[in-house]
Amino acid sequence: MLRITPSITIDEDEIQWQFVRASGPGGQHVNKAATAVQLRFDVRRSPSLPDDVRQRLIALAGNRITSDGVLIIEAQQFRSQKQNREAAIQRLVELIRRAAEKPKVRRPTRPTREARRRRLEAKRRRSETKRLRQPVRFTEED
């Protein structure tokens, strides 16, 4: 069991692993061993996630989530499969923790009377400046 928060735990059976060959350093070893890790976690069908966390996780995941609702995390920064697995799990845990945080409710505010007065006064000054820049127009009166 992966403990994400005190109230959220994920059974390790919900996570599928796929191992592929990694690019980058490693010499001959990199051509033989499948050290890169792909972690797959089905967000939509997971019984471990509350609905609000699930929705925020889908939004946070961005292009890492498929149209079926499967989150894919790839890790290949280490030369060993074990370290890449741990890195992928850590990234999954961090992502779910961020999704578990409830967003702050925004309370709309209104500008103060003084702020409105200052804004209108600045508009008046700007208008006057522009008016004074215009050429003087003479009208012919008969």
N, C-alpha and C. Protein backbone atom coordinates (compact mmCIF):
# COMPACT_ATOMS: atom_id res chain seq x y z
N MET A 1 0.84 -1.19 0.00
CA MET A 1 0.00 0.00 0.00
C MET A 1 0.88 1.24 0.00
N LEU A 2 0.55 2.17 -0.88
CA LEU A 2 1.23 3.46 -0.92
C LEU A 2 0.42 4.46 -0.11
N ARG A 3 1.02 5.06 0.90
CA ARG A 3 0.33 6.07 1.69
C ARG A 3 0.62 7.43 1.07
N ILE A 4 -0.43 8.06 0.57
CA ILE A 4 -0.31 9.37 -0.07
C ILE A 4 -0.53 10.47 0.97
N THR A 5 -1.68 10.44 1.61
CA THR A 5 -2.01 11.34 2.71
C THR A 5 -2.58 10.46 3.82
N PRO A 6 -2.85 11.02 4.99
CA PRO A 6 -3.45 10.19 6.03
C PRO A 6 -4.77 9.53 5.62
N SER A 7 -5.50 10.15 4.69
CA SER A 7 -6.80 9.59 4.30
C SER A 7 -6.77 8.88 2.94
N ILE A 8 -5.69 9.01 2.18
CA ILE A 8 -5.62 8.39 0.85
C ILE A 8 -4.47 7.39 0.80
N THR A 9 -4.82 6.14 0.49
CA THR A 9 -3.81 5.12 0.24
C THR A 9 -4.17 4.43 -1.07
N ILE A 10 -3.14 3.99 -1.79
CA ILE A 10 -3.35 3.33 -3.08
C ILE A 10 -2.76 1.93 -2.99
N ASP A 11 -3.55 0.96 -3.40
CA ASP A 11 -3.08 -0.42 -3.44
C ASP A 11 -2.10 -0.55 -4.60
N GLU A 12 -1.00 -1.24 -4.39
CA GLU A 12 0.02 -1.36 -5.43
C GLU A 12 -0.47 -2.17 -6.63
N ASP A 13 -1.58 -2.91 -6.47
CA ASP A 13 -2.15 -3.64 -7.60
C ASP A 13 -2.77 -2.70 -8.63
N GLU A 14 -3.05 -1.45 -8.23
CA GLU A 14 -3.65 -0.47 -9.14
C GLU A 14 -2.60 0.13 -10.09
N ILE A 15 -1.34 -0.16 -9.85
CA ILE A 15 -0.25 0.41 -10.64
C ILE A 15 0.30 -0.68 -11.56
N GLN A 16 0.39 -0.36 -12.85
CA GLN A 16 1.01 -1.28 -13.80
C GLN A 16 2.37 -0.72 -14.20
N TRP A 17 3.31 -1.62 -14.40
CA TRP A 17 4.67 -1.22 -14.77
C TRP A 17 5.00 -1.74 -16.15
N GLN A 18 5.76 -0.95 -16.87
CA GLN A 18 6.29 -1.39 -18.16
C GLN A 18 7.74 -0.92 -18.20
N PHE A 19 8.62 -1.80 -18.62
CA PHE A 19 10.04 -1.47 -18.64
C PHE A 19 10.53 -1.44 -20.08
N VAL A 20 11.23 -0.36 -20.41
CA VAL A 20 11.74 -0.19 -21.77
C VAL A 20 13.20 0.23 -21.71
N ARG A 21 13.87 0.18 -22.83
CA ARG A 21 15.26 0.61 -22.85
C ARG A 21 15.33 2.12 -22.78
N ALA A 22 16.25 2.59 -21.98
CA ALA A 22 16.41 4.03 -21.78
C ALA A 22 17.44 4.59 -22.74
N SER A 23 17.31 5.86 -23.03
CA SER A 23 18.34 6.54 -23.81
C SER A 23 19.31 7.17 -22.82
N GLY A 24 20.41 7.67 -23.31
CA GLY A 24 21.35 8.36 -22.44
C GLY A 24 22.53 7.50 -22.03
N PRO A 25 23.24 7.92 -20.97
CA PRO A 25 24.48 7.25 -20.58
C PRO A 25 24.24 5.83 -20.07
N GLY A 26 25.26 5.01 -20.17
CA GLY A 26 25.15 3.65 -19.66
C GLY A 26 26.06 2.70 -20.39
N GLY A 27 26.67 3.14 -21.47
CA GLY A 27 27.59 2.26 -22.19
C GLY A 27 26.87 1.09 -22.83
N GLN A 28 27.50 -0.07 -22.82
CA GLN A 28 26.88 -1.26 -23.43
C GLN A 28 25.64 -1.69 -22.65
N HIS A 29 25.64 -1.38 -21.35
CA HIS A 29 24.52 -1.78 -20.49
C HIS A 29 23.19 -1.20 -20.99
N VAL A 30 23.24 0.02 -21.51
CA VAL A 30 22.01 0.69 -21.93
C VAL A 30 21.37 -0.03 -23.12
N ASN A 31 22.15 -0.74 -23.90
CA ASN A 31 21.61 -1.45 -25.06
C ASN A 31 21.03 -2.82 -24.69
N LYS A 32 21.29 -3.29 -23.49
CA LYS A 32 20.85 -4.63 -23.09
C LYS A 32 19.70 -4.59 -22.09
N ALA A 33 19.78 -3.71 -21.12
CA ALA A 33 18.83 -3.74 -20.01
C ALA A 33 17.71 -2.72 -20.20
N ALA A 34 16.51 -3.12 -19.81
CA ALA A 34 15.35 -2.23 -19.87
C ALA A 34 15.25 -1.51 -18.52
N THR A 35 15.95 -0.40 -18.41
CA THR A 35 15.98 0.30 -17.11
C THR A 35 14.97 1.43 -17.01
N ALA A 36 14.49 1.93 -18.14
CA ALA A 36 13.49 3.01 -18.09
C ALA A 36 12.15 2.42 -17.66
N VAL A 37 11.40 3.21 -16.90
CA VAL A 37 10.16 2.73 -16.31
C VAL A 37 8.99 3.56 -16.79
N GLN A 38 7.88 2.89 -17.11
CA GLN A 38 6.62 3.56 -17.38
C GLN A 38 5.62 3.10 -16.33
N LEU A 39 5.17 4.03 -15.52
CA LEU A 39 4.17 3.72 -14.50
C LEU A 39 2.82 4.10 -15.07
N ARG A 40 1.86 3.20 -14.97
CA ARG A 40 0.50 3.47 -15.45
C ARG A 40 -0.47 3.33 -14.29
N PHE A 41 -1.28 4.38 -14.09
CA PHE A 41 -2.25 4.40 -13.00
C PHE A 41 -3.58 4.88 -13.57
N ASP A 42 -4.60 4.02 -13.46
CA ASP A 42 -5.92 4.34 -14.00
C ASP A 42 -6.66 5.25 -13.02
N VAL A 43 -6.63 6.53 -13.30
CA VAL A 43 -7.21 7.53 -12.40
C VAL A 43 -8.74 7.41 -12.36
N ARG A 44 -9.36 7.23 -13.52
CA ARG A 44 -10.83 7.22 -13.58
C ARG A 44 -11.45 6.02 -12.85
N ARG A 45 -10.78 4.88 -12.89
CA ARG A 45 -11.35 3.66 -12.29
C ARG A 45 -10.79 3.33 -10.92
N SER A 46 -9.95 4.18 -10.38
CA SER A 46 -9.33 3.89 -9.09
C SER A 46 -10.33 4.06 -7.95
N PRO A 47 -10.54 3.01 -7.14
CA PRO A 47 -11.44 3.13 -6.00
C PRO A 47 -10.80 3.87 -4.83
N SER A 48 -9.51 4.12 -4.90
CA SER A 48 -8.78 4.75 -3.79
C SER A 48 -8.91 6.26 -3.74
N LEU A 49 -9.31 6.87 -4.85
CA LEU A 49 -9.34 8.33 -4.92
C LEU A 49 -10.76 8.88 -4.74
N PRO A 50 -10.91 9.87 -3.87
CA PRO A 50 -12.21 10.57 -3.78
C PRO A 50 -12.47 11.33 -5.09
N ASP A 51 -13.73 11.60 -5.38
CA ASP A 51 -14.09 12.23 -6.66
C ASP A 51 -13.45 13.60 -6.86
N ASP A 52 -13.39 14.43 -5.80
CA ASP A 52 -12.81 15.76 -5.97
C ASP A 52 -11.32 15.67 -6.27
N VAL A 53 -10.62 14.75 -5.62
CA VAL A 53 -9.19 14.56 -5.87
C VAL A 53 -8.98 14.03 -7.28
N ARG A 54 -9.85 13.13 -7.71
CA ARG A 54 -9.75 12.55 -9.06
C ARG A 54 -9.85 13.65 -10.12
N GLN A 55 -10.83 14.54 -9.95
CA GLN A 55 -11.01 15.62 -10.94
C GLN A 55 -9.81 16.56 -10.97
N ARG A 56 -9.29 16.92 -9.80
CA ARG A 56 -8.12 17.81 -9.75
C ARG A 56 -6.88 17.11 -10.32
N LEU A 57 -6.75 15.80 -10.08
CA LEU A 57 -5.61 15.04 -10.60
C LEU A 57 -5.64 15.00 -12.13
N ILE A 58 -6.81 14.80 -12.69
CA ILE A 58 -6.94 14.78 -14.15
C ILE A 58 -6.55 16.14 -14.73
N ALA A 59 -6.96 17.21 -14.07
CA ALA A 59 -6.62 18.56 -14.54
C ALA A 59 -5.12 18.82 -14.39
N LEU A 60 -4.53 18.39 -13.26
CA LEU A 60 -3.11 18.62 -13.02
C LEU A 60 -2.21 17.81 -13.96
N ALA A 61 -2.65 16.61 -14.31
CA ALA A 61 -1.82 15.72 -15.10
C ALA A 61 -1.56 16.24 -16.51
N GLY A 62 -2.48 16.99 -17.05
CA GLY A 62 -2.28 17.58 -18.38
C GLY A 62 -2.10 16.53 -19.45
N ASN A 63 -0.98 16.61 -20.19
CA ASN A 63 -0.79 15.68 -21.30
C ASN A 63 -0.20 14.34 -20.85
N ARG A 64 -0.03 14.13 -19.56
CA ARG A 64 0.45 12.84 -19.06
C ARG A 64 -0.69 11.84 -18.88
N ILE A 65 -1.93 12.31 -19.11
CA ILE A 65 -3.07 11.43 -18.93
C ILE A 65 -3.70 11.14 -20.29
N THR A 66 -4.08 9.88 -20.52
CA THR A 66 -4.66 9.49 -21.80
C THR A 66 -6.14 9.81 -21.82
N SER A 67 -6.75 9.65 -22.99
CA SER A 67 -8.20 9.90 -23.10
C SER A 67 -9.00 8.89 -22.28
N ASP A 68 -8.41 7.72 -21.98
CA ASP A 68 -9.08 6.71 -21.15
C ASP A 68 -8.97 7.01 -19.66
N GLY A 69 -8.20 8.03 -19.30
CA GLY A 69 -8.03 8.37 -17.90
C GLY A 69 -6.88 7.65 -17.23
N VAL A 70 -5.92 7.17 -18.02
CA VAL A 70 -4.76 6.47 -17.47
C VAL A 70 -3.59 7.45 -17.40
N LEU A 71 -3.06 7.62 -16.20
CA LEU A 71 -1.91 8.50 -15.97
C LEU A 71 -0.64 7.72 -16.27
N ILE A 72 0.23 8.29 -17.11
CA ILE A 72 1.49 7.63 -17.47
C ILE A 72 2.64 8.51 -16.99
N ILE A 73 3.49 7.94 -16.15
CA ILE A 73 4.67 8.64 -15.66
C ILE A 73 5.89 7.84 -16.12
N GLU A 74 6.81 8.52 -16.80
CA GLU A 74 8.02 7.87 -17.28
C GLU A 74 9.21 8.35 -16.47
N ALA A 75 10.08 7.40 -16.11
CA ALA A 75 11.30 7.74 -15.37
C ALA A 75 12.47 6.99 -15.99
N GLN A 76 13.50 7.75 -16.36
CA GLN A 76 14.68 7.11 -16.95
C GLN A 76 15.96 7.85 -16.59
N GLN A 77 15.91 8.66 -15.51
CA GLN A 77 17.10 9.44 -15.18
C GLN A 77 18.21 8.63 -14.53
N PHE A 78 17.88 7.46 -14.00
CA PHE A 78 18.90 6.63 -13.35
C PHE A 78 19.26 5.44 -14.22
N ARG A 79 20.40 4.84 -13.93
CA ARG A 79 20.83 3.67 -14.70
C ARG A 79 20.20 2.38 -14.20
N SER A 80 19.64 2.42 -12.99
CA SER A 80 19.05 1.17 -12.46
C SER A 80 17.53 1.23 -12.50
N GLN A 81 16.94 0.10 -12.78
CA GLN A 81 15.50 -0.02 -12.85
C GLN A 81 14.86 0.29 -11.50
N LYS A 82 15.50 -0.16 -10.44
CA LYS A 82 14.96 0.05 -9.09
C LYS A 82 14.86 1.54 -8.76
N GLN A 83 15.91 2.30 -9.06
CA GLN A 83 15.88 3.73 -8.77
C GLN A 83 14.84 4.44 -9.63
N ASN A 84 14.69 4.02 -10.88
CA ASN A 84 13.68 4.62 -11.75
C ASN A 84 12.27 4.31 -11.27
N ARG A 85 12.07 3.09 -10.75
CA ARG A 85 10.76 2.75 -10.17
C ARG A 85 10.44 3.65 -8.99
N GLU A 86 11.42 3.83 -8.11
CA GLU A 86 11.22 4.69 -6.94
C GLU A 86 10.95 6.13 -7.34
N ALA A 87 11.66 6.60 -8.37
CA ALA A 87 11.46 7.97 -8.85
C ALA A 87 10.04 8.14 -9.41
N ALA A 88 9.56 7.13 -10.16
CA ALA A 88 8.22 7.20 -10.74
C ALA A 88 7.16 7.20 -9.64
N ILE A 89 7.34 6.35 -8.63
CA ILE A 89 6.39 6.31 -7.51
C ILE A 89 6.38 7.64 -6.78
N GLN A 90 7.56 8.19 -6.56
CA GLN A 90 7.65 9.48 -5.85
C GLN A 90 6.92 10.57 -6.63
N ARG A 91 7.07 10.58 -7.95
CA ARG A 91 6.38 11.59 -8.76
C ARG A 91 4.88 11.39 -8.74
N LEU A 92 4.42 10.13 -8.72
CA LEU A 92 2.99 9.86 -8.62
C LEU A 92 2.45 10.35 -7.28
N VAL A 93 3.16 10.05 -6.21
CA VAL A 93 2.73 10.46 -4.87
C VAL A 93 2.65 11.99 -4.78
N GLU A 94 3.67 12.68 -5.30
CA GLU A 94 3.67 14.14 -5.26
C GLU A 94 2.51 14.73 -6.05
N LEU A 95 2.22 14.14 -7.20
CA LEU A 95 1.12 14.63 -8.04
C LEU A 95 -0.22 14.45 -7.33
N ILE A 96 -0.42 13.29 -6.71
CA ILE A 96 -1.68 13.04 -6.01
C ILE A 96 -1.78 13.94 -4.77
N ARG A 97 -0.66 14.17 -4.08
CA ARG A 97 -0.70 15.08 -2.92
C ARG A 97 -1.10 16.49 -3.33
N ARG A 98 -0.56 16.94 -4.47
CA ARG A 98 -0.94 18.28 -4.95
C ARG A 98 -2.43 18.32 -5.31
N ALA A 99 -2.95 17.22 -5.88
CA ALA A 99 -4.36 17.17 -6.24
C ALA A 99 -5.24 17.07 -5.00
N ALA A 100 -4.71 16.53 -3.90
CA ALA A 100 -5.49 16.37 -2.67
C ALA A 100 -5.68 17.70 -1.93
N GLU A 101 -4.83 18.70 -2.23
CA GLU A 101 -4.98 20.00 -1.57
C GLU A 101 -6.18 20.72 -2.16
N LYS A 102 -7.08 21.13 -1.27
CA LYS A 102 -8.26 21.84 -1.74
C LYS A 102 -7.87 23.26 -2.10
N PRO A 103 -8.32 23.72 -3.27
CA PRO A 103 -7.97 25.09 -3.67
C PRO A 103 -8.68 26.11 -2.79
N LYS A 104 -8.02 27.24 -2.58
CA LYS A 104 -8.62 28.31 -1.80
C LYS A 104 -9.82 28.88 -2.54
N VAL A 105 -10.87 29.16 -1.81
CA VAL A 105 -12.05 29.76 -2.42
C VAL A 105 -11.79 31.25 -2.56
N ARG A 106 -11.96 31.76 -3.76
CA ARG A 106 -11.73 33.18 -3.98
C ARG A 106 -12.97 33.95 -3.59
N ARG A 107 -12.77 34.92 -2.73
CA ARG A 107 -13.87 35.78 -2.33
C ARG A 107 -13.73 37.09 -3.10
N PRO A 108 -14.70 37.40 -3.93
CA PRO A 108 -14.58 38.63 -4.72
C PRO A 108 -14.59 39.86 -3.82
N THR A 109 -13.76 40.82 -4.15
CA THR A 109 -13.70 42.06 -3.37
C THR A 109 -14.09 43.22 -4.27
N ARG A 110 -14.41 44.34 -3.64
CA ARG A 110 -14.76 45.53 -4.39
C ARG A 110 -13.74 46.60 -4.10
N PRO A 111 -13.48 47.46 -5.09
CA PRO A 111 -12.56 48.56 -4.82
C PRO A 111 -13.18 49.53 -3.80
N THR A 112 -12.32 50.12 -2.99
CA THR A 112 -12.82 51.06 -1.98
C THR A 112 -13.29 52.35 -2.66
N ARG A 113 -14.02 53.15 -1.93
CA ARG A 113 -14.51 54.43 -2.46
C ARG A 113 -13.33 55.31 -2.87
N GLU A 114 -12.28 55.33 -2.03
CA GLU A 114 -11.09 56.15 -2.32
C GLU A 114 -10.38 55.66 -3.58
N ALA A 115 -10.31 54.34 -3.78
CA ALA A 115 -9.66 53.79 -4.97
C ALA A 115 -10.44 54.18 -6.22
N ARG A 116 -11.76 54.14 -6.14
CA ARG A 116 -12.59 54.55 -7.28
C ARG A 116 -12.39 56.03 -7.58
N ARG A 117 -12.32 56.86 -6.53
CA ARG A 117 -12.10 58.30 -6.70
C ARG A 117 -10.76 58.58 -7.37
N ARG A 118 -9.70 57.88 -6.91
CA ARG A 118 -8.37 58.07 -7.50
C ARG A 118 -8.34 57.66 -8.97
N ARG A 119 -9.03 56.54 -9.29
CA ARG A 119 -9.07 56.08 -10.67
C ARG A 119 -9.77 57.10 -11.57
N LEU A 120 -10.90 57.61 -11.12
CA LEU A 120 -11.63 58.59 -11.94
C LEU A 120 -10.85 59.89 -12.07
N GLU A 121 -10.16 60.29 -11.00
CA GLU A 121 -9.34 61.52 -11.05
C GLU A 121 -8.20 61.35 -12.06
N ALA A 122 -7.56 60.18 -12.07
CA ALA A 122 -6.48 59.92 -13.02
C ALA A 122 -7.02 59.94 -14.45
N LYS A 123 -8.22 59.40 -14.64
CA LYS A 123 -8.83 59.43 -15.98
C LYS A 123 -9.12 60.86 -16.41
N ARG A 124 -9.58 61.68 -15.48
CA ARG A 124 -9.85 63.08 -15.81
C ARG A 124 -8.57 63.82 -16.21
N ARG A 125 -7.48 63.58 -15.44
CA ARG A 125 -6.20 64.24 -15.75
C ARG A 125 -5.69 63.80 -17.11
N ARG A 126 -5.79 62.51 -17.40
CA ARG A 126 -5.32 61.99 -18.68
C ARG A 126 -6.15 62.57 -19.82
N SER A 127 -7.45 62.65 -19.63
CA SER A 127 -8.35 63.21 -20.63
C SER A 127 -8.00 64.67 -20.90
N GLU A 128 -7.75 65.43 -19.85
CA GLU A 128 -7.40 66.84 -19.98
C GLU A 128 -6.08 67.00 -20.74
N THR A 129 -5.09 66.16 -20.43
CA THR A 129 -3.80 66.20 -21.12
C THR A 129 -3.99 65.97 -22.61
N LYS A 130 -4.77 64.97 -22.94
CA LYS A 130 -4.99 64.67 -24.36
C LYS A 130 -5.79 65.77 -25.05
N ARG A 131 -6.75 66.35 -24.33
CA ARG A 131 -7.55 67.43 -24.92
C ARG A 131 -6.67 68.63 -25.24
N LEU A 132 -5.71 68.94 -24.36
CA LEU A 132 -4.83 70.08 -24.58
C LEU A 132 -3.85 69.85 -25.73
N ARG A 133 -3.60 68.61 -26.10
CA ARG A 133 -2.70 68.31 -27.21
C ARG A 133 -3.36 68.52 -28.56
N GLN A 134 -4.68 68.55 -28.60
CA GLN A 134 -5.39 68.67 -29.87
C GLN A 134 -5.24 70.08 -30.43
N PRO A 135 -5.23 70.19 -31.75
CA PRO A 135 -5.14 71.52 -32.34
C PRO A 135 -6.40 72.34 -32.02
N VAL A 136 -6.20 73.64 -31.93
CA VAL A 136 -7.32 74.52 -31.63
C VAL A 136 -8.14 74.69 -32.89
N ARG A 137 -9.45 74.56 -32.75
CA ARG A 137 -10.33 74.68 -33.89
C ARG A 137 -11.10 75.99 -33.78
N PHE A 138 -11.03 76.78 -34.82
CA PHE A 138 -11.78 78.04 -34.85
C PHE A 138 -13.06 77.81 -35.60
N THR A 139 -14.12 78.36 -35.08
CA THR A 139 -15.41 78.27 -35.76
C THR A 139 -15.73 79.64 -36.34
N GLU A 140 -16.23 79.67 -37.54
CA GLU A 140 -16.60 80.94 -38.15
C GLU A 140 -18.02 81.27 -37.75
N GLU A 141 -18.11 82.40 -37.13
CA GLU A 141 -19.45 82.86 -36.73
C GLU A 141 -19.81 84.06 -37.57
N ASP A 142 -20.94 84.05 -38.19
CA ASP A 142 -21.35 85.15 -39.06
C ASP A 142 -22.24 86.10 -38.38
